[in-house]
Amino acid sequence: MEPNLVEDDYLVARAQGGFLDAFELLVMRHQDGAYRFALRMLDDPQDAQDATQEAFVDAWRGLAGFTGASSFRNSSVSGEPGLPPTTMRSSATGRGACPTRKTIS
């Protein structure tokens, strides 16, 4: 499935249902912008990579509480009620992996 053919709202709903493929499409769609934002904030490529990865891990962990009050793109970087805000720091969190993969239908 081509990432840009599906709206973020649909992908978020599918990811909330446990479909990891939907979340992967969201990450593919927004990772470059999130990285550029982190790089501007941190001015260090490695720290920006770490912060970007942490932002998407936090977004996955908070996905059940995502209400759609703002876009997934904005929420994954800055946070929204129900989705934990991302902190721009250089250390990795070491948190667990995502659950079992389901295929988008």
Protein backbone atom coordinates (compact mmCIF):
# COMPACT_ATOMS: atom_id res chain seq x y z
CA MET A 1 0.00 0.00 0.00
CA GLU A 2 1.34 3.43 -0.98
CA PRO A 3 1.73 5.51 2.23
CA ASN A 4 0.23 8.72 0.79
CA LEU A 5 -2.96 7.09 -0.51
CA VAL A 6 -4.42 6.68 2.98
CA GLU A 7 -5.31 9.46 5.42
CA ASP A 8 -3.48 9.60 8.75
CA ASP A 9 -6.79 9.33 10.67
CA TYR A 10 -7.50 5.97 9.06
CA LEU A 11 -3.98 4.72 9.75
CA VAL A 12 -4.20 5.86 13.38
CA ALA A 13 -7.50 4.02 13.82
CA ARG A 14 -6.01 0.86 12.30
CA ALA A 15 -2.89 1.16 14.45
CA GLN A 16 -5.09 1.59 17.52
CA GLY A 17 -6.65 -1.72 16.52
CA GLY A 18 -3.23 -3.36 16.70
CA PHE A 19 -2.26 -3.24 13.03
CA LEU A 20 1.47 -2.51 13.16
CA ASP A 21 1.63 -2.05 9.39
CA ALA A 22 -0.57 1.04 9.73
CA PHE A 23 1.76 2.51 12.32
CA GLU A 24 4.76 1.72 10.14
CA LEU A 25 3.15 3.73 7.32
CA LEU A 26 2.66 6.66 9.70
CA VAL A 27 6.31 6.47 10.71
CA MET A 28 7.46 6.30 7.08
CA ARG A 29 5.29 9.30 6.26
CA HIS A 30 6.44 11.50 9.14
CA GLN A 31 9.95 10.38 10.14
CA ASP A 32 11.85 12.79 7.87
CA GLY A 33 9.93 15.83 9.13
CA ALA A 34 10.30 14.70 12.75
CA TYR A 35 14.04 14.24 12.24
CA ARG A 36 14.43 17.69 10.67
CA PHE A 37 12.52 19.23 13.59
CA ALA A 38 14.69 17.37 16.13
CA LEU A 39 17.86 18.37 14.29
CA ARG A 40 16.85 22.05 14.40
CA MET A 41 16.12 21.74 18.12
CA LEU A 42 19.18 19.71 19.10
CA ASP A 43 21.77 20.69 16.46
CA ASP A 44 23.32 17.21 16.62
CA PRO A 45 22.52 14.46 14.09
CA GLN A 46 22.87 11.54 16.51
CA ASP A 47 20.78 13.25 19.19
CA ALA A 48 18.18 14.07 16.54
CA GLN A 49 18.03 10.41 15.42
CA ASP A 50 17.63 9.27 19.02
CA ALA A 51 14.93 11.85 19.74
CA THR A 52 13.06 10.96 16.55
CA GLN A 53 13.09 7.27 17.41
CA GLU A 54 11.97 8.03 20.96
CA ALA A 55 9.14 10.22 19.65
CA PHE A 56 7.73 7.35 17.61
CA VAL A 57 8.15 4.85 20.45
CA ASP A 58 6.27 7.27 22.71
CA ALA A 59 3.63 7.74 20.01
CA TRP A 60 3.14 3.97 19.75
CA ARG A 61 2.87 3.60 23.52
CA GLY A 62 0.34 6.44 23.75
CA LEU A 63 -1.64 5.48 20.68
CA ALA A 64 -4.60 4.06 22.59
CA GLY A 65 -5.19 7.50 24.13
CA PHE A 66 -4.80 9.46 20.90
CA THR A 67 -8.01 11.44 20.45
CA GLY A 68 -7.38 13.13 17.12
CA ALA A 69 -7.66 16.62 18.66
CA SER A 70 -4.58 17.48 16.60
CA SER A 71 -2.83 15.75 13.71
CA PHE A 72 -0.76 12.64 14.27
CA ARG A 73 2.26 14.55 12.93
CA ASN A 74 1.96 17.30 15.52
CA SER A 75 1.06 14.92 18.33
CA SER A 76 3.95 12.55 17.70
CA VAL A 77 6.43 15.40 18.13
CA SER A 78 4.82 17.80 20.60
CA GLY A 79 2.21 15.65 22.33
CA GLU A 80 -1.54 16.04 22.82
CA PRO A 81 -3.87 15.09 25.65
CA GLY A 82 -3.74 11.32 25.86
CA LEU A 83 -0.49 11.05 23.93
CA PRO A 84 2.67 11.49 26.00
CA PRO A 85 4.73 14.52 25.04
CA THR A 86 8.11 13.76 23.56
CA THR A 87 11.21 15.04 25.24
CA MET A 88 14.14 15.92 23.06
CA ARG A 89 17.02 14.17 24.76
CA SER A 90 19.91 12.13 23.49
CA SER A 91 19.64 8.97 25.56
CA ALA A 92 17.63 6.02 24.32
CA THR A 93 14.77 4.85 26.52
CA GLY A 94 15.40 1.15 26.23
CA ARG A 95 11.64 0.53 26.30
CA GLY A 96 10.07 -2.65 24.99
CA ALA A 97 9.20 -3.44 21.41
CA CYS A 98 5.85 -3.06 19.68
CA PRO A 99 3.34 -5.90 19.88
CA THR A 100 2.74 -8.62 17.34
CA ARG A 101 2.29 -7.54 13.73
CA LYS A 102 -1.11 -7.63 12.04
CA THR A 103 -1.60 -6.94 8.34
CA ILE A 104 -3.76 -4.04 7.18
CA SER A 105 -6.86 -5.24 5.38
